[in-house]
Amino acid sequence: MLVAEHLPARPRKASASRRRRHHSRLPYRLHQHAPAAASILLAPVWTDTQGPQERVFVARALDANGEPVRIPPGGSRQIASLLQGAFPGADWNQAQTWHAKTNQLTTWQQQERRVAA
């Protein structure tokens, strides 16, 4: 599912205590859209299906066993909005992974596949 990038006209302004509270509630809000997700990958994709090229995001959630978690329709858009709001300093030109255990966002690194000899 493709999701349009959420960039508000005015950046979110909040006190430090309010930002900390929103950050602490982030796992609960994300689990409303992707229950039992241990990690969520949010990857930017550039598409030009309706004219000029624009960046949209694709969200994929995995459980603790590495199995995909179903995201309901419209959930990807909300996940992108929540993560971009909680981590405005992240480089959104690269894929980002949110980890439920640590409530942190990291740049996604593709793991090398080892071929058994």
PDB file of N, CA and C in Angstrom:
ATOM      1  N   MET A   1       0.838  -1.162   0.000  1.00  0.00           N
ATOM      2  CA  MET A   1       0.000   0.000   0.000  1.00  0.00           C
ATOM      3  C   MET A   1       0.892   1.237   0.000  1.00  0.00           C
ATOM      4  N   LEU A   2       0.634   2.182  -0.862  1.00  0.00           N
ATOM      5  CA  LEU A   2       1.414   3.399  -0.947  1.00  0.00           C
ATOM      6  C   LEU A   2       0.754   4.486  -0.111  1.00  0.00           C
ATOM      7  N   VAL A   3       1.578   5.289   0.570  1.00  0.00           N
ATOM      8  CA  VAL A   3       1.082   6.314   1.467  1.00  0.00           C
ATOM      9  C   VAL A   3       1.747   7.629   1.113  1.00  0.00           C
ATOM     10  N   ALA A   4       0.972   8.680   0.973  1.00  0.00           N
ATOM     11  CA  ALA A   4       1.540   9.995   0.702  1.00  0.00           C
ATOM     12  C   ALA A   4       2.285  10.483   1.940  1.00  0.00           C
ATOM     13  N   GLU A   5       3.359  11.192   1.712  1.00  0.00           N
ATOM     14  CA  GLU A   5       4.162  11.701   2.813  1.00  0.00           C
ATOM     15  C   GLU A   5       3.378  12.742   3.593  1.00  0.00           C
ATOM     16  N   HIS A   6       3.460  12.681   4.893  1.00  0.00           N
ATOM     17  CA  HIS A   6       2.748  13.629   5.742  1.00  0.00           C
ATOM     18  C   HIS A   6       3.724  14.711   6.184  1.00  0.00           C
ATOM     19  N   LEU A   7       3.601  15.881   5.621  1.00  0.00           N
ATOM     20  CA  LEU A   7       4.402  17.023   6.034  1.00  0.00           C
ATOM     21  C   LEU A   7       3.452  18.179   6.320  1.00  0.00           C
ATOM     22  N   PRO A   8       3.202  18.498   7.592  1.00  0.00           N
ATOM     23  CA  PRO A   8       2.272  19.571   7.896  1.00  0.00           C
ATOM     24  C   PRO A   8       2.802  20.919   7.437  1.00  0.00           C
ATOM     25  N   ALA A   9       1.886  21.868   7.185  1.00  0.00           N
ATOM     26  CA  ALA A   9       2.286  23.209   6.762  1.00  0.00           C
ATOM     27  C   ALA A   9       3.123  23.878   7.837  1.00  0.00           C
ATOM     28  N   ARG A  10       2.765  23.632   9.083  1.00  0.00           N
ATOM     29  CA  ARG A  10       3.531  24.170  10.205  1.00  0.00           C
ATOM     30  C   ARG A  10       4.042  23.004  11.032  1.00  0.00           C
ATOM     31  N   PRO A  11       5.329  22.994  11.357  1.00  0.00           N
ATOM     32  CA  PRO A  11       5.849  21.887  12.161  1.00  0.00           C
ATOM     33  C   PRO A  11       5.174  21.838  13.531  1.00  0.00           C
ATOM     34  N   ARG A  12       5.135  20.655  14.093  1.00  0.00           N
ATOM     35  CA  ARG A  12       4.520  20.498  15.409  1.00  0.00           C
ATOM     36  C   ARG A  12       5.363  21.208  16.454  1.00  0.00           C
ATOM     37  N   LYS A  13       4.692  22.005  17.251  1.00  0.00           N
ATOM     38  CA  LYS A  13       5.381  22.688  18.338  1.00  0.00           C
ATOM     39  C   LYS A  13       4.788  22.182  19.640  1.00  0.00           C
ATOM     40  N   ALA A  14       5.649  21.780  20.536  1.00  0.00           N
ATOM     41  CA  ALA A  14       5.182  21.276  21.818  1.00  0.00           C
ATOM     42  C   ALA A  14       6.307  21.433  22.832  1.00  0.00           C
ATOM     43  N   SER A  15       5.907  21.472  24.086  1.00  0.00           N
ATOM     44  CA  SER A  15       6.900  21.555  25.142  1.00  0.00           C
ATOM     45  C   SER A  15       7.651  20.229  25.233  1.00  0.00           C
ATOM     46  N   ALA A  16       8.764  20.253  25.929  1.00  0.00           N
ATOM     47  CA  ALA A  16       9.574  19.041  26.067  1.00  0.00           C
ATOM     48  C   ALA A  16       8.792  17.937  26.777  1.00  0.00           C
ATOM     49  N   SER A  17       8.013  18.299  27.788  1.00  0.00           N
ATOM     50  CA  SER A  17       7.248  17.276  28.509  1.00  0.00           C
ATOM     51  C   SER A  17       6.177  16.657  27.617  1.00  0.00           C
ATOM     52  N   ARG A  18       5.542  17.457  26.781  1.00  0.00           N
ATOM     53  CA  ARG A  18       4.524  16.922  25.864  1.00  0.00           C
ATOM     54  C   ARG A  18       5.168  16.011  24.819  1.00  0.00           C
ATOM     55  N   ARG A  19       6.359  16.391  24.312  1.00  0.00           N
ATOM     56  CA  ARG A  19       7.053  15.540  23.342  1.00  0.00           C
ATOM     57  C   ARG A  19       7.430  14.204  23.974  1.00  0.00           C
ATOM     58  N   ARG A  20       7.910  14.233  25.226  1.00  0.00           N
ATOM     59  CA  ARG A  20       8.257  12.988  25.917  1.00  0.00           C
ATOM     60  C   ARG A  20       7.023  12.109  26.115  1.00  0.00           C
ATOM     61  N   ARG A  21       5.895  12.720  26.446  1.00  0.00           N
ATOM     62  CA  ARG A  21       4.665  11.951  26.638  1.00  0.00           C
ATOM     63  C   ARG A  21       4.218  11.306  25.327  1.00  0.00           C
ATOM     64  N   HIS A  22       4.269  12.064  24.227  1.00  0.00           N
ATOM     65  CA  HIS A  22       3.897  11.502  22.929  1.00  0.00           C
ATOM     66  C   HIS A  22       4.840  10.364  22.546  1.00  0.00           C
ATOM     67  N   HIS A  23       6.121  10.541  22.832  1.00  0.00           N
ATOM     68  CA  HIS A  23       7.106   9.501  22.510  1.00  0.00           C
ATOM     69  C   HIS A  23       6.849   8.247  23.344  1.00  0.00           C
ATOM     70  N   SER A  24       6.468   8.422  24.606  1.00  0.00           N
ATOM     71  CA  SER A  24       6.209   7.250  25.453  1.00  0.00           C
ATOM     72  C   SER A  24       4.919   6.537  25.048  1.00  0.00           C
ATOM     73  N   ARG A  25       3.962   7.235  24.439  1.00  0.00           N
ATOM     74  CA  ARG A  25       2.700   6.629  23.990  1.00  0.00           C
ATOM     75  C   ARG A  25       2.793   6.056  22.579  1.00  0.00           C
ATOM     76  N   LEU A  26       3.921   6.275  21.901  1.00  0.00           N
ATOM     77  CA  LEU A  26       4.076   5.830  20.519  1.00  0.00           C
ATOM     78  C   LEU A  26       3.856   4.321  20.348  1.00  0.00           C
ATOM     79  N   PRO A  27       4.429   3.446  21.184  1.00  0.00           N
ATOM     80  CA  PRO A  27       4.182   2.007  20.992  1.00  0.00           C
ATOM     81  C   PRO A  27       2.696   1.652  21.042  1.00  0.00           C
ATOM     82  N   TYR A  28       1.961   2.242  21.971  1.00  0.00           N
ATOM     83  CA  TYR A  28       0.522   1.977  22.063  1.00  0.00           C
ATOM     84  C   TYR A  28      -0.191   2.407  20.782  1.00  0.00           C
ATOM     85  N   ARG A  29       0.123   3.574  20.290  1.00  0.00           N
ATOM     86  CA  ARG A  29      -0.533   4.080  19.080  1.00  0.00           C
ATOM     87  C   ARG A  29      -0.176   3.252  17.854  1.00  0.00           C
ATOM     88  N   LEU A  30       1.072   2.830  17.748  1.00  0.00           N
ATOM     89  CA  LEU A  30       1.463   2.004  16.606  1.00  0.00           C
ATOM     90  C   LEU A  30       0.825   0.616  16.671  1.00  0.00           C
ATOM     91  N   HIS A  31       0.693   0.062  17.876  1.00  0.00           N
ATOM     92  CA  HIS A  31       0.088  -1.266  18.013  1.00  0.00           C
ATOM     93  C   HIS A  31      -1.415  -1.251  17.742  1.00  0.00           C
ATOM     94  N   GLN A  32      -2.029  -0.076  17.718  1.00  0.00           N
ATOM     95  CA  GLN A  32      -3.429   0.010  17.301  1.00  0.00           C
ATOM     96  C   GLN A  32      -3.562  -0.291  15.810  1.00  0.00           C
ATOM     97  N   HIS A  33      -2.524   0.026  15.036  1.00  0.00           N
ATOM     98  CA  HIS A  33      -2.552  -0.186  13.588  1.00  0.00           C
ATOM     99  C   HIS A  33      -1.867  -1.485  13.180  1.00  0.00           C
ATOM    100  N   ALA A  34      -0.892  -1.924  13.966  1.00  0.00           N
ATOM    101  CA  ALA A  34      -0.162  -3.160  13.662  1.00  0.00           C
ATOM    102  C   ALA A  34       0.009  -3.949  14.959  1.00  0.00           C
ATOM    103  N   PRO A  35      -1.041  -4.671  15.383  1.00  0.00           N
ATOM    104  CA  PRO A  35      -0.965  -5.408  16.651  1.00  0.00           C
ATOM    105  C   PRO A  35       0.150  -6.454  16.636  1.00  0.00           C
ATOM    106  N   ALA A  36       0.818  -6.597  17.746  1.00  0.00           N
ATOM    107  CA  ALA A  36       1.882  -7.588  17.940  1.00  0.00           C
ATOM    108  C   ALA A  36       3.108  -7.337  17.075  1.00  0.00           C
ATOM    109  N   ALA A  37       3.277  -6.135  16.565  1.00  0.00           N
ATOM    110  CA  ALA A  37       4.445  -5.829  15.737  1.00  0.00           C
ATOM    111  C   ALA A  37       5.669  -5.624  16.624  1.00  0.00           C
ATOM    112  N   ALA A  38       6.749  -6.330  16.311  1.00  0.00           N
ATOM    113  CA  ALA A  38       8.016  -6.159  17.019  1.00  0.00           C
ATOM    114  C   ALA A  38       8.869  -5.106  16.328  1.00  0.00           C
ATOM    115  N   SER A  39       8.664  -4.950  15.017  1.00  0.00           N
ATOM    116  CA  SER A  39       9.378  -3.915  14.263  1.00  0.00           C
ATOM    117  C   SER A  39       8.515  -3.478  13.087  1.00  0.00           C
ATOM    118  N   ILE A  40       8.697  -2.220  12.708  1.00  0.00           N
ATOM    119  CA  ILE A  40       7.968  -1.668  11.567  1.00  0.00           C
ATOM    120  C   ILE A  40       8.980  -0.994  10.656  1.00  0.00           C
ATOM    121  N   LEU A  41       8.987  -1.403   9.402  1.00  0.00           N
ATOM    122  CA  LEU A  41       9.855  -0.808   8.390  1.00  0.00           C
ATOM    123  C   LEU A  41       9.035   0.193   7.595  1.00  0.00           C
ATOM    124  N   LEU A  42       9.530   1.412   7.481  1.00  0.00           N
ATOM    125  CA  LEU A  42       8.871   2.454   6.700  1.00  0.00           C
ATOM    126  C   LEU A  42       9.845   2.874   5.612  1.00  0.00           C
ATOM    127  N   ALA A  43       9.510   2.551   4.366  1.00  0.00           N
ATOM    128  CA  ALA A  43      10.415   2.788   3.241  1.00  0.00           C
ATOM    129  C   ALA A  43       9.828   3.817   2.282  1.00  0.00           C
ATOM    130  N   PRO A  44      10.643   4.788   1.848  1.00  0.00           N
ATOM    131  CA  PRO A  44      10.160   5.755   0.860  1.00  0.00           C
ATOM    132  C   PRO A  44      10.184   5.150  -0.542  1.00  0.00           C
ATOM    133  N   VAL A  45       9.172   5.471  -1.316  1.00  0.00           N
ATOM    134  CA  VAL A  45       9.072   5.020  -2.699  1.00  0.00           C
ATOM    135  C   VAL A  45       8.665   6.227  -3.526  1.00  0.00           C
ATOM    136  N   TRP A  46       9.364   6.429  -4.652  1.00  0.00           N
ATOM    137  CA  TRP A  46       9.022   7.546  -5.527  1.00  0.00           C
ATOM    138  C   TRP A  46       8.150   7.026  -6.658  1.00  0.00           C
ATOM    139  N   THR A  47       7.015   7.673  -6.871  1.00  0.00           N
ATOM    140  CA  THR A  47       6.066   7.217  -7.875  1.00  0.00           C
ATOM    141  C   THR A  47       5.570   8.401  -8.702  1.00  0.00           C
ATOM    142  N   ASP A  48       5.210   8.119  -9.942  1.00  0.00           N
ATOM    143  CA  ASP A  48       4.680   9.174 -10.813  1.00  0.00           C
ATOM    144  C   ASP A  48       3.404   8.700 -11.499  1.00  0.00           C
ATOM    145  N   THR A  49       2.553   8.003 -10.763  1.00  0.00           N
ATOM    146  CA  THR A  49       1.342   7.451 -11.361  1.00  0.00           C
ATOM    147  C   THR A  49       0.321   8.519 -11.722  1.00  0.00           C
ATOM    148  N   GLN A  50       0.371   9.663 -11.070  1.00  0.00           N
ATOM    149  CA  GLN A  50      -0.620  10.706 -11.324  1.00  0.00           C
ATOM    150  C   GLN A  50       0.044  12.023 -11.697  1.00  0.00           C
ATOM    151  N   GLY A  51       1.051  11.989 -12.536  1.00  0.00           N
ATOM    152  CA  GLY A  51       1.712  13.225 -12.952  1.00  0.00           C
ATOM    153  C   GLY A  51       3.123  13.307 -12.436  1.00  0.00           C
ATOM    154  N   PRO A  52       3.458  14.407 -11.752  1.00  0.00           N
ATOM    155  CA  PRO A  52       4.840  14.572 -11.295  1.00  0.00           C
ATOM    156  C   PRO A  52       5.209  13.536 -10.236  1.00  0.00           C
ATOM    157  N   GLN A  53       6.487  13.246 -10.183  1.00  0.00           N
ATOM    158  CA  GLN A  53       6.982  12.240  -9.253  1.00  0.00           C
ATOM    159  C   GLN A  53       6.836  12.737  -7.818  1.00  0.00           C
ATOM    160  N   GLU A  54       6.321  11.888  -6.945  1.00  0.00           N
ATOM    161  CA  GLU A  54       6.186  12.241  -5.538  1.00  0.00           C
ATOM    162  C   GLU A  54       6.636  11.075  -4.668  1.00  0.00           C
ATOM    163  N   ARG A  55       7.008  11.409  -3.436  1.00  0.00           N
ATOM    164  CA  ARG A  55       7.478  10.392  -2.501  1.00  0.00           C
ATOM    165  C   ARG A  55       6.304   9.924  -1.646  1.00  0.00           C
ATOM    166  N   VAL A  56       6.142   8.624  -1.578  1.00  0.00           N
ATOM    167  CA  VAL A  56       5.149   7.996  -0.710  1.00  0.00           C
ATOM    168  C   VAL A  56       5.878   6.971   0.149  1.00  0.00           C
ATOM    169  N   PHE A  57       5.232   6.491   1.191  1.00  0.00           N
ATOM    170  CA  PHE A  57       5.861   5.536   2.095  1.00  0.00           C
ATOM    171  C   PHE A  57       5.103   4.224   2.108  1.00  0.00           C
ATOM    172  N   VAL A  58       5.850   3.141   2.206  1.00  0.00           N
ATOM    173  CA  VAL A  58       5.294   1.801   2.337  1.00  0.00           C
ATOM    174  C   VAL A  58       5.702   1.286   3.716  1.00  0.00           C
ATOM    175  N   ALA A  59       4.722   0.846   4.495  1.00  0.00           N
ATOM    176  CA  ALA A  59       4.990   0.325   5.835  1.00  0.00           C
ATOM    177  C   ALA A  59       4.850  -1.190   5.834  1.00  0.00           C
ATOM    178  N   ARG A  60       5.756  -1.852   6.547  1.00  0.00           N
ATOM    179  CA  ARG A  60       5.695  -3.305   6.705  1.00  0.00           C
ATOM    180  C   ARG A  60       6.020  -3.627   8.156  1.00  0.00           C
ATOM    181  N   ALA A  61       5.147  -4.391   8.784  1.00  0.00           N
ATOM    182  CA  ALA A  61       5.322  -4.752  10.189  1.00  0.00           C
ATOM    183  C   ALA A  61       5.635  -6.238  10.301  1.00  0.00           C
ATOM    184  N   LEU A  62       6.542  -6.564  11.225  1.00  0.00           N
ATOM    185  CA  LEU A  62       6.913  -7.959  11.494  1.00  0.00           C
ATOM    186  C   LEU A  62       6.736  -8.247  12.980  1.00  0.00           C
ATOM    187  N   ASP A  63       6.322  -9.477  13.299  1.00  0.00           N
ATOM    188  CA  ASP A  63       6.209  -9.857  14.702  1.00  0.00           C
ATOM    189  C   ASP A  63       7.561 -10.358  15.210  1.00  0.00           C
ATOM    190  N   ALA A  64       7.603 -10.855  16.444  1.00  0.00           N
ATOM    191  CA  ALA A  64       8.861 -11.297  17.054  1.00  0.00           C
ATOM    192  C   ALA A  64       9.485 -12.481  16.324  1.00  0.00           C
ATOM    193  N   ASN A  65       8.677 -13.273  15.611  1.00  0.00           N
ATOM    194  CA  ASN A  65       9.192 -14.424  14.862  1.00  0.00           C
ATOM    195  C   ASN A  65       9.583 -14.071  13.438  1.00  0.00           C
ATOM    196  N   GLY A  66       9.430 -12.815  13.054  1.00  0.00           N
ATOM    197  CA  GLY A  66       9.770 -12.400  11.698  1.00  0.00           C
ATOM    198  C   GLY A  66       8.647 -12.587  10.697  1.00  0.00           C
ATOM    199  N   GLU A  67       7.464 -12.941  11.186  1.00  0.00           N
ATOM    200  CA  GLU A  67       6.305 -13.126  10.309  1.00  0.00           C
ATOM    201  C   GLU A  67       5.619 -11.782  10.074  1.00  0.00           C
ATOM    202  N   PRO A  68       5.095 -11.554   8.868  1.00  0.00           N
ATOM    203  CA  PRO A  68       4.411 -10.281   8.583  1.00  0.00           C
ATOM    204  C   PRO A  68       3.142 -10.110   9.425  1.00  0.00           C
ATOM    205  N   VAL A  69       2.913  -8.885   9.851  1.00  0.00           N
ATOM    206  CA  VAL A  69       1.701  -8.520  10.584  1.00  0.00           C
ATOM    207  C   VAL A  69       0.818  -7.733   9.628  1.00  0.00           C
ATOM    208  N   ARG A  70      -0.442  -8.115   9.536  1.00  0.00           N
ATOM    209  CA  ARG A  70      -1.359  -7.441   8.620  1.00  0.00           C
ATOM    210  C   ARG A  70      -1.670  -6.035   9.130  1.00  0.00           C
ATOM    211  N   ILE A  71      -1.529  -5.064   8.236  1.00  0.00           N
ATOM    212  CA  ILE A  71      -1.862  -3.674   8.540  1.00  0.00           C
ATOM    213  C   ILE A  71      -3.182  -3.366   7.846  1.00  0.00           C
ATOM    214  N   PRO A  72      -4.178  -2.863   8.575  1.00  0.00           N
ATOM    215  CA  PRO A  72      -5.473  -2.594   7.952  1.00  0.00           C
ATOM    216  C   PRO A  72      -5.379  -1.448   6.945  1.00  0.00           C
ATOM    217  N   PRO A  73      -6.344  -1.361   6.025  1.00  0.00           N
ATOM    218  CA  PRO A  73      -6.331  -0.260   5.054  1.00  0.00           C
ATOM    219  C   PRO A  73      -6.305   1.092   5.767  1.00  0.00           C
ATOM    220  N   GLY A  74      -5.431   1.968   5.307  1.00  0.00           N
ATOM    221  CA  GLY A  74      -5.277   3.283   5.921  1.00  0.00           C
ATOM    222  C   GLY A  74      -4.313   3.292   7.090  1.00  0.00           C
ATOM    223  N   GLY A  75      -3.943   2.127   7.586  1.00  0.00           N
ATOM    224  CA  GLY A  75      -3.028   2.053   8.720  1.00  0.00           C
ATOM    225  C   GLY A  75      -1.624   2.506   8.374  1.00  0.00           C
ATOM    226  N   SER A  76      -1.197   2.253   7.148  1.00  0.00           N
ATOM    227  CA  SER A  76       0.150   2.665   6.739  1.00  0.00           C
ATOM    228  C   SER A  76       0.294   4.181   6.774  1.00  0.00           C
ATOM    229  N   ARG A  77      -0.750   4.877   6.365  1.00  0.00           N
ATOM    230  CA  ARG A  77      -0.711   6.344   6.374  1.00  0.00           C
ATOM    231  C   ARG A  77      -0.578   6.862   7.805  1.00  0.00           C
ATOM    232  N   GLN A  78      -1.325   6.253   8.729  1.00  0.00           N
ATOM    233  CA  GLN A  78      -1.260   6.665  10.124  1.00  0.00           C
ATOM    234  C   GLN A  78       0.094   6.329  10.744  1.00  0.00           C
ATOM    235  N   ILE A  79       0.642   5.181  10.404  1.00  0.00           N
ATOM    236  CA  ILE A  79       1.957   4.787  10.914  1.00  0.00           C
ATOM    237  C   ILE A  79       3.021   5.769  10.436  1.00  0.00           C
ATOM    238  N   ALA A  80       2.978   6.129   9.157  1.00  0.00           N
ATOM    239  CA  ALA A  80       3.939   7.095   8.620  1.00  0.00           C
ATOM    240  C   ALA A  80       3.813   8.430   9.340  1.00  0.00           C
ATOM    241  N   SER A  81       2.597   8.871   9.568  1.00  0.00           N
ATOM    242  CA  SER A  81       2.371  10.139  10.252  1.00  0.00           C
ATOM    243  C   SER A  81       2.897  10.106  11.686  1.00  0.00           C
ATOM    244  N   LEU A  82       2.617   9.022  12.401  1.00  0.00           N
ATOM    245  CA  LEU A  82       3.076   8.905  13.785  1.00  0.00           C
ATOM    246  C   LEU A  82       4.598   8.887  13.879  1.00  0.00           C
ATOM    247  N   LEU A  83       5.238   8.098  13.026  1.00  0.00           N
ATOM    248  CA  LEU A  83       6.700   7.998  13.084  1.00  0.00           C
ATOM    249  C   LEU A  83       7.372   9.292  12.650  1.00  0.00           C
ATOM    250  N   GLN A  84       6.856   9.948  11.617  1.00  0.00           N
ATOM    251  CA  GLN A  84       7.451  11.210  11.177  1.00  0.00           C
ATOM    252  C   GLN A  84       7.262  12.294  12.229  1.00  0.00           C
ATOM    253  N   GLY A  85       6.139  12.267  12.935  1.00  0.00           N
ATOM    254  CA  GLY A  85       5.914  13.244  13.991  1.00  0.00           C
ATOM    255  C   GLY A  85       6.779  12.995  15.211  1.00  0.00           C
ATOM    256  N   ALA A  86       7.014  11.727  15.538  1.00  0.00           N
ATOM    257  CA  ALA A  86       7.807  11.384  16.719  1.00  0.00           C
ATOM    258  C   ALA A  86       9.306  11.528  16.482  1.00  0.00           C
ATOM    259  N   PHE A  87       9.733  11.353  15.234  1.00  0.00           N
ATOM    260  CA  PHE A  87      11.159  11.426  14.904  1.00  0.00           C
ATOM    261  C   PHE A  87      11.372  12.402  13.743  1.00  0.00           C
ATOM    262  N   PRO A  88      11.170  13.704  13.968  1.00  0.00           N
ATOM    263  CA  PRO A  88      11.294  14.663  12.859  1.00  0.00           C
ATOM    264  C   PRO A  88      12.722  14.810  12.347  1.00  0.00           C
ATOM    265  N   GLY A  89      13.707  14.454  13.137  1.00  0.00           N
ATOM    266  CA  GLY A  89      15.099  14.603  12.724  1.00  0.00           C
ATOM    267  C   GLY A  89      15.637  13.440  11.914  1.00  0.00           C
ATOM    268  N   ALA A  90      14.830  12.406  11.714  1.00  0.00           N
ATOM    269  CA  ALA A  90      15.282  11.229  10.960  1.00  0.00           C
ATOM    270  C   ALA A  90      15.408  11.564   9.478  1.00  0.00           C
ATOM    271  N   ASP A  91      16.283  10.843   8.794  1.00  0.00           N
ATOM    272  CA  ASP A  91      16.461  11.016   7.348  1.00  0.00           C
ATOM    273  C   ASP A  91      15.384  10.204   6.641  1.00  0.00           C
ATOM    274  N   TRP A  92      14.311  10.856   6.218  1.00  0.00           N
ATOM    275  CA  TRP A  92      13.179  10.163   5.616  1.00  0.00           C
ATOM    276  C   TRP A  92      13.399   9.851   4.153  1.00  0.00           C
ATOM    277  N   ASN A  93      14.588  10.152   3.606  1.00  0.00           N
ATOM    278  CA  ASN A  93      14.933   9.721   2.253  1.00  0.00           C
ATOM    279  C   ASN A  93      15.441   8.284   2.258  1.00  0.00           C
ATOM    280  N   GLN A  94      15.682   7.744   3.437  1.00  0.00           N
ATOM    281  CA  GLN A  94      16.134   6.362   3.585  1.00  0.00           C
ATOM    282  C   GLN A  94      15.088   5.580   4.369  1.00  0.00           C
ATOM    283  N   ALA A  95      15.081   4.280   4.180  1.00  0.00           N
ATOM    284  CA  ALA A  95      14.156   3.422   4.926  1.00  0.00           C
ATOM    285  C   ALA A  95      14.523   3.459   6.407  1.00  0.00           C
ATOM    286  N   GLN A  96      13.509   3.502   7.253  1.00  0.00           N
ATOM    287  CA  GLN A  96      13.704   3.563   8.695  1.00  0.00           C
ATOM    288  C   GLN A  96      12.973   2.395   9.345  1.00  0.00           C
ATOM    289  N   THR A  97      13.559   1.860  10.408  1.00  0.00           N
ATOM    290  CA  THR A  97      12.948   0.755  11.147  1.00  0.00           C
ATOM    291  C   THR A  97      12.687   1.189  12.578  1.00  0.00           C
ATOM    292  N   TRP A  98      11.440   1.015  13.026  1.00  0.00           N
ATOM    293  CA  TRP A  98      11.074   1.281  14.416  1.00  0.00           C
ATOM    294  C   TRP A  98      11.069  -0.043  15.161  1.00  0.00           C
ATOM    295  N   HIS A  99      11.699  -0.064  16.342  1.00  0.00           N
ATOM    296  CA  HIS A  99      11.802  -1.278  17.152  1.00  0.00           C
ATOM    297  C   HIS A  99      10.927  -1.124  18.396  1.00  0.00           C
ATOM    298  N   ALA A 100       9.990  -2.045  18.583  1.00  0.00           N
ATOM    299  CA  ALA A 100       9.053  -1.967  19.707  1.00  0.00           C
ATOM    300  C   ALA A 100       9.763  -2.133  21.049  1.00  0.00           C
ATOM    301  N   LYS A 101      10.774  -2.988  21.102  1.00  0.00           N
ATOM    302  CA  LYS A 101      11.454  -3.267  22.370  1.00  0.00           C
ATOM    303  C   LYS A 101      12.135  -2.019  22.939  1.00  0.00           C
ATOM    304  N   THR A 102      12.747  -1.208  22.062  1.00  0.00           N
ATOM    305  CA  THR A 102      13.485  -0.033  22.523  1.00  0.00           C
ATOM    306  C   THR A 102      12.768   1.282  22.243  1.00  0.00           C
ATOM    307  N   ASN A 103      11.699   1.252  21.452  1.00  0.00           N
ATOM    308  CA  ASN A 103      10.975   2.456  21.038  1.00  0.00           C
ATOM    309  C   ASN A 103      11.921   3.452  20.362  1.00  0.00           C
ATOM    310  N   GLN A 104      12.826   2.921  19.543  1.00  0.00           N
ATOM    311  CA  GLN A 104      13.795   3.744  18.826  1.00  0.00           C
ATOM    312  C   GLN A 104      13.657   3.516  17.328  1.00  0.00           C
ATOM    313  N   LEU A 105      14.116   4.497  16.567  1.00  0.00           N
ATOM    314  CA  LEU A 105      14.092   4.430  15.112  1.00  0.00           C
ATOM    315  C   LEU A 105      15.527   4.349  14.616  1.00  0.00           C
ATOM    316  N   THR A 106      15.802   3.409  13.720  1.00  0.00           N
ATOM    317  CA  THR A 106      17.138   3.269  13.149  1.00  0.00           C
ATOM    318  C   THR A 106      17.035   3.231  11.634  1.00  0.00           C
ATOM    319  N   THR A 107      18.115   3.624  10.980  1.00  0.00           N
ATOM    320  CA  THR A 107      18.170   3.525   9.527  1.00  0.00           C
ATOM    321  C   THR A 107      18.288   2.056   9.159  1.00  0.00           C
ATOM    322  N   TRP A 108      17.474   1.624   8.216  1.00  0.00           N
ATOM    323  CA  TRP A 108      17.435   0.216   7.827  1.00  0.00           C
ATOM    324  C   TRP A 108      18.693  -0.137   7.064  1.00  0.00           C
ATOM    325  N   GLN A 109      19.315  -1.239   7.464  1.00  0.00           N
ATOM    326  CA  GLN A 109      20.493  -1.764   6.784  1.00  0.00           C
ATOM    327  C   GLN A 109      20.134  -3.129   6.233  1.00  0.00           C
ATOM    328  N   GLN A 110      20.275  -3.287   4.926  1.00  0.00           N
ATOM    329  CA  GLN A 110      19.982  -4.589   4.331  1.00  0.00           C
ATOM    330  C   GLN A 110      21.062  -5.565   4.769  1.00  0.00           C
ATOM    331  N   GLN A 111      20.637  -6.682   5.331  1.00  0.00           N
ATOM    332  CA  GLN A 111      21.591  -7.677   5.799  1.00  0.00           C
ATOM    333  C   GLN A 111      22.069  -8.509   4.627  1.00  0.00           C
ATOM    334  N   GLU A 112      23.354  -8.822   4.660  1.00  0.00           N
ATOM    335  CA  GLU A 112      23.920  -9.651   3.599  1.00  0.00           C
ATOM    336  C   GLU A 112      23.441 -11.081   3.779  1.00  0.00           C
ATOM    337  N   ARG A 113      23.057 -11.675   2.693  1.00  0.00           N
ATOM    338  CA  ARG A 113      22.642 -13.076   2.744  1.00  0.00           C
ATOM    339  C   ARG A 113      23.863 -13.944   2.515  1.00  0.00           C
ATOM    340  N   ARG A 114      24.050 -14.873   3.414  1.00  0.00           N
ATOM    341  CA  ARG A 114      25.197 -15.769   3.294  1.00  0.00           C
ATOM    342  C   ARG A 114      24.748 -17.048   2.613  1.00  0.00           C
ATOM    343  N   VAL A 115      25.509 -17.446   1.638  1.00  0.00           N
ATOM    344  CA  VAL A 115      25.205 -18.670   0.902  1.00  0.00           C
ATOM    345  C   VAL A 115      25.975 -19.805   1.554  1.00  0.00           C
ATOM    346  N   ALA A 116      25.252 -20.859   1.903  1.00  0.00           N
ATOM    347  CA  ALA A 116      25.909 -22.015   2.519  1.00  0.00           C
ATOM    348  C   ALA A 116      26.761 -22.722   1.479  1.00  0.00           C
ATOM    349  N   ALA A 117      28.001 -22.979   1.829  1.00  0.00           N
ATOM    350  CA  ALA A 117      28.922 -23.628   0.884  1.00  0.00           C
ATOM    351  C   ALA A 117      28.870 -25.123   1.008  1.00  0.00           C
TER     352      ALA A 117
END
